[in-house]
Amino acid sequence: MRILYFSFFIVLADQVTKFFVKGLNIPFLGLHIKGMSYGASINIIDNFFQITFIENPGMAFGLEFGGKLTLSIFTIFATLMIIYLIYRNRKESLYMRFSLAFILGGAVGNLFDRIFYGVIYNYSPIFYGRVVDFFHIIIPDFKLFGKTFYSWPIFNVADVSVTIGFILILFGYKSIFNKKSDEAVTPSITSENPIEVTNLNTDNLSEIQKEPEPPQPNPTNQPESKTDIT
């Protein structure tokens, strides 16, 4: 289960970057991060990549799924399932656990926003927080799931982690399951495991008769003499 440390570092990186974008003020710790104004952008690569601060109540990349509470409960359930899968596959290939760790780290990162950000930033009760997004790739308009996007959906570190995890599983599932198939025990022809060629019904053995042998010729070609008893 040491792979969970990797998920922890993803969550840590996700939250630290969000705090620098949104800002954070904790007086008793002497912590004050100014952050960005909502909707503000910082150009990184002109006309292609920016840091733009927005928030969304939905899933990764701004997709929506039910209400906020429903989404939070669904994410908690999905997170527990991923932890269970990592535990169940703890003796399997590192590739599978590594992929799941990416997904787990991203799921927990966004889940933290939904559960606690409303309380931390004092704008909503627990479970009703909004997810902070800031990676902004500028591309032509497109439609996805019936929704028109005027640029690529703004996302965050957690979204990137979930996407990487799913891509790893998508491209690696064949090798994972092929390896399991190769390791399966196949029957072999040995003295302990013979192959039966026929199955003879012993009830019909009485019906099987030998073909009668042909009569043996007399070696002298003479008729047998009869002995008269007088």
Protein backbone atom coordinates (compact mmCIF):
# COMPACT_ATOMS: atom_id res chain seq x y z
CA MET A 1 0.00 0.00 0.00
CA ARG A 2 3.03 2.31 -0.25
CA ILE A 3 1.62 3.44 -3.59
CA LEU A 4 -0.81 5.57 -1.56
CA TYR A 5 2.09 7.92 -0.76
CA PHE A 6 2.11 8.78 -4.45
CA SER A 7 -1.59 9.66 -4.28
CA PHE A 8 -0.89 11.81 -1.22
CA PHE A 9 1.74 13.87 -3.06
CA ILE A 10 -0.72 14.41 -5.93
CA VAL A 11 -3.31 15.73 -3.46
CA LEU A 12 -0.67 17.94 -1.84
CA ALA A 13 0.47 19.40 -5.18
CA ASP A 14 -3.15 19.95 -6.22
CA GLN A 15 -4.07 21.82 -3.04
CA VAL A 16 -0.92 23.95 -2.91
CA THR A 17 -1.45 25.17 -6.48
CA LYS A 18 -5.11 25.93 -5.75
CA PHE A 19 -4.22 27.93 -2.65
CA PHE A 20 -1.77 30.04 -4.66
CA VAL A 21 -4.47 30.70 -7.27
CA LYS A 22 -7.43 31.31 -4.95
CA GLY A 23 -5.46 32.67 -2.02
CA LEU A 24 -5.49 31.59 1.60
CA ASN A 25 -5.50 33.48 4.88
CA ILE A 26 -4.88 31.71 8.19
CA PRO A 27 -3.98 34.43 10.75
CA PHE A 28 -3.09 32.17 13.70
CA LEU A 29 -0.54 30.42 11.48
CA GLY A 30 0.70 33.70 10.05
CA LEU A 31 -0.19 32.41 6.58
CA HIS A 32 -1.41 34.86 3.98
CA ILE A 33 -1.51 34.07 0.24
CA LYS A 34 -3.07 36.84 -1.81
CA GLY A 35 -4.12 34.73 -4.79
CA MET A 36 -5.74 35.96 -8.00
CA SER A 37 -8.95 37.85 -8.65
CA TYR A 38 -11.78 35.67 -9.92
CA GLY A 39 -11.67 35.48 -13.71
CA ALA A 40 -8.19 37.01 -13.94
CA SER A 41 -5.61 35.49 -16.32
CA ILE A 42 -1.85 35.32 -16.49
CA ASN A 43 -0.32 34.66 -19.90
CA ILE A 44 2.21 31.84 -19.95
CA ILE A 45 2.34 31.08 -23.68
CA ASP A 46 0.63 33.79 -25.76
CA ASN A 47 -2.58 32.73 -27.51
CA PHE A 48 -2.18 29.16 -26.26
CA PHE A 49 -1.74 28.69 -22.49
CA GLN A 50 -2.82 30.86 -19.54
CA ILE A 51 -3.45 30.63 -15.81
CA THR A 52 -7.10 31.65 -15.42
CA PHE A 53 -8.87 31.49 -12.06
CA ILE A 54 -12.41 30.11 -12.15
CA GLU A 55 -14.50 27.76 -9.99
CA ASN A 56 -16.99 25.10 -10.98
CA PRO A 57 -19.50 23.00 -9.05
CA GLY A 58 -19.21 19.97 -11.31
CA MET A 59 -16.83 17.20 -12.18
CA ALA A 60 -13.45 17.30 -13.91
CA PHE A 61 -13.16 19.85 -16.73
CA GLY A 62 -16.38 21.53 -15.58
CA LEU A 63 -18.69 18.64 -16.50
CA GLU A 64 -21.84 18.45 -14.39
CA PHE A 65 -23.36 15.38 -12.72
CA GLY A 66 -26.43 15.80 -10.54
CA GLY A 67 -26.41 18.20 -7.59
CA LYS A 68 -23.44 19.18 -5.46
CA LEU A 69 -24.31 16.83 -2.61
CA THR A 70 -24.96 13.94 -5.02
CA LEU A 71 -21.62 14.54 -6.71
CA SER A 72 -19.77 14.69 -3.39
CA ILE A 73 -21.33 11.42 -2.18
CA PHE A 74 -20.62 9.76 -5.53
CA THR A 75 -16.98 10.89 -5.38
CA ILE A 76 -16.59 9.55 -1.82
CA PHE A 77 -17.98 6.19 -2.92
CA ALA A 78 -15.70 6.13 -5.99
CA THR A 79 -12.70 7.02 -3.82
CA LEU A 80 -13.39 4.15 -1.42
CA MET A 81 -13.77 1.77 -4.37
CA ILE A 82 -10.39 2.85 -5.78
CA ILE A 83 -8.71 2.33 -2.39
CA TYR A 84 -10.27 -1.14 -2.24
CA LEU A 85 -9.03 -1.94 -5.77
CA ILE A 86 -5.51 -0.83 -4.85
CA TYR A 87 -5.60 -3.04 -1.76
CA ARG A 88 -7.02 -5.99 -3.67
CA ASN A 89 -4.35 -5.67 -6.38
CA ARG A 90 -1.51 -4.98 -3.92
CA LYS A 91 0.33 -8.10 -5.15
CA GLU A 92 -0.39 -7.48 -8.83
CA SER A 93 1.66 -5.46 -11.31
CA LEU A 94 2.93 -2.02 -10.31
CA TYR A 95 1.45 -0.64 -13.53
CA MET A 96 -2.13 -1.24 -12.40
CA ARG A 97 -1.58 0.17 -8.90
CA PHE A 98 0.27 3.17 -10.33
CA SER A 99 -2.67 3.92 -12.65
CA LEU A 100 -5.17 3.67 -9.81
CA ALA A 101 -2.98 5.88 -7.61
CA PHE A 102 -3.17 8.64 -10.24
CA ILE A 103 -6.97 8.41 -10.30
CA LEU A 104 -7.21 8.28 -6.51
CA GLY A 105 -5.00 11.36 -6.02
CA GLY A 106 -7.03 13.38 -8.49
CA ALA A 107 -10.37 12.26 -7.06
CA VAL A 108 -9.37 13.16 -3.50
CA GLY A 109 -7.93 16.51 -4.62
CA ASN A 110 -11.22 17.69 -6.12
CA LEU A 111 -13.24 16.03 -3.35
CA PHE A 112 -11.40 18.15 -0.78
CA ASP A 113 -12.59 21.29 -2.61
CA ARG A 114 -16.22 20.14 -2.64
CA ILE A 115 -16.29 19.10 1.00
CA PHE A 116 -14.25 21.84 2.72
CA TYR A 117 -13.79 24.89 0.51
CA GLY A 118 -17.25 26.27 1.24
CA VAL A 119 -16.40 26.23 4.96
CA ILE A 120 -12.77 27.35 4.61
CA TYR A 121 -13.71 30.33 2.45
CA ASN A 122 -17.02 30.91 4.23
CA TYR A 123 -19.42 30.84 1.29
CA SER A 124 -21.37 27.56 1.74
CA PRO A 125 -21.90 24.65 4.14
CA ILE A 126 -19.84 21.48 4.09
CA PHE A 127 -20.16 19.32 0.94
CA TYR A 128 -21.22 22.34 -1.14
CA GLY A 129 -17.85 23.80 -2.07
CA ARG A 130 -16.69 24.67 -5.58
CA VAL A 131 -13.66 23.20 -7.35
CA VAL A 132 -10.85 25.63 -8.22
CA ASP A 133 -9.61 25.44 -11.82
CA PHE A 134 -6.83 27.44 -13.46
CA PHE A 135 -5.02 25.65 -16.33
CA HIS A 136 -6.39 27.30 -19.48
CA ILE A 137 -5.53 26.03 -22.97
CA ILE A 138 -6.86 28.23 -25.76
CA ILE A 139 -8.19 26.28 -28.75
CA PRO A 140 -11.07 26.74 -31.25
CA ASP A 141 -14.65 26.27 -30.03
CA PHE A 142 -16.04 22.72 -29.86
CA LYS A 143 -18.98 20.73 -28.49
CA LEU A 144 -18.77 17.97 -25.87
CA PHE A 145 -21.77 16.08 -24.45
CA GLY A 146 -24.08 18.66 -26.02
CA LYS A 147 -22.31 21.60 -24.40
CA THR A 148 -20.47 24.24 -26.44
CA PHE A 149 -16.99 25.12 -25.18
CA TYR A 150 -15.34 28.33 -26.34
CA SER A 151 -11.94 27.04 -25.27
CA TRP A 152 -10.65 23.83 -23.78
CA PRO A 153 -12.30 23.45 -20.33
CA ILE A 154 -10.14 25.04 -17.63
CA PHE A 155 -8.76 22.35 -15.34
CA ASN A 156 -6.40 21.70 -12.45
CA VAL A 157 -3.72 19.29 -11.20
CA ALA A 158 -6.34 16.81 -9.95
CA ASP A 159 -8.02 16.68 -13.36
CA VAL A 160 -4.65 16.03 -15.03
CA SER A 161 -3.96 13.19 -12.57
CA VAL A 162 -7.33 11.50 -13.17
CA THR A 163 -6.85 11.79 -16.94
CA ILE A 164 -3.35 10.27 -16.81
CA GLY A 165 -4.64 7.37 -14.69
CA PHE A 166 -7.44 6.55 -17.14
CA ILE A 167 -5.09 6.81 -20.13
CA LEU A 168 -2.63 4.42 -18.48
CA ILE A 169 -5.40 1.90 -17.88
CA LEU A 170 -6.79 2.39 -21.40
CA PHE A 171 -3.46 1.68 -23.08
CA GLY A 172 -2.20 -0.88 -20.61
CA TYR A 173 -5.19 -3.09 -19.85
CA LYS A 174 -4.33 -5.52 -22.69
CA SER A 175 -0.85 -6.18 -21.38
CA ILE A 176 -2.21 -6.55 -17.84
CA PHE A 177 -4.84 -9.14 -18.75
CA ASN A 178 -2.59 -10.93 -21.26
CA LYS A 179 -0.02 -11.38 -18.51
CA LYS A 180 -2.68 -12.89 -16.26
CA SER A 181 -3.74 -15.24 -19.07
CA ASP A 182 -0.16 -16.39 -19.63
CA GLU A 183 0.22 -17.13 -15.94
CA ALA A 184 -2.90 -19.32 -15.91
CA VAL A 185 -2.23 -23.03 -15.44
CA THR A 186 -2.81 -25.03 -18.64
CA PRO A 187 -3.39 -28.81 -18.60
CA SER A 188 -0.46 -30.91 -19.78
CA ILE A 189 -0.15 -34.54 -20.84
CA THR A 190 1.60 -36.35 -18.02
CA SER A 191 1.35 -39.69 -16.36
CA GLU A 192 -0.63 -38.00 -13.59
CA ASN A 193 -3.00 -36.35 -16.05
CA PRO A 194 -3.50 -38.79 -18.95
CA ILE A 195 -5.78 -38.02 -21.86
CA GLU A 196 -8.45 -40.65 -22.47
CA VAL A 197 -8.75 -41.46 -26.14
CA THR A 198 -11.88 -43.59 -25.91
CA ASN A 199 -14.46 -44.32 -23.31
CA LEU A 200 -15.46 -47.97 -23.50
CA ASN A 201 -18.80 -49.03 -22.08
CA THR A 202 -18.15 -52.18 -20.05
CA ASP A 203 -21.83 -53.09 -20.13
CA ASN A 204 -21.50 -54.05 -23.79
CA LEU A 205 -18.40 -56.20 -23.40
CA SER A 206 -20.49 -59.37 -23.42
CA GLU A 207 -21.66 -58.51 -26.91
CA ILE A 208 -18.10 -58.45 -28.23
CA GLN A 209 -17.15 -61.93 -29.46
CA LYS A 210 -13.99 -63.27 -30.91
CA GLU A 211 -13.97 -64.21 -34.54
CA PRO A 212 -13.72 -68.01 -34.75
CA GLU A 213 -10.35 -69.36 -35.78
CA PRO A 214 -10.18 -71.30 -39.10
CA PRO A 215 -9.87 -75.14 -38.85
CA GLN A 216 -6.32 -76.47 -38.78
CA PRO A 217 -5.41 -78.80 -41.73
CA ASN A 218 -4.31 -82.42 -41.12
CA PRO A 219 -0.53 -82.45 -41.59
CA THR A 220 -0.47 -85.93 -43.24
CA ASN A 221 -3.41 -85.24 -45.56
CA GLN A 222 -4.58 -88.75 -44.71
CA PRO A 223 -7.99 -89.59 -43.43
CA GLU A 224 -8.06 -90.71 -39.91
CA SER A 225 -8.19 -94.52 -39.59
CA LYS A 226 -10.93 -96.08 -37.62
CA THR A 227 -10.08 -98.84 -35.17
CA ASP A 228 -12.45 -101.72 -35.20
CA ILE A 229 -13.10 -103.15 -31.88
CA THR A 230 -13.98 -106.77 -32.09
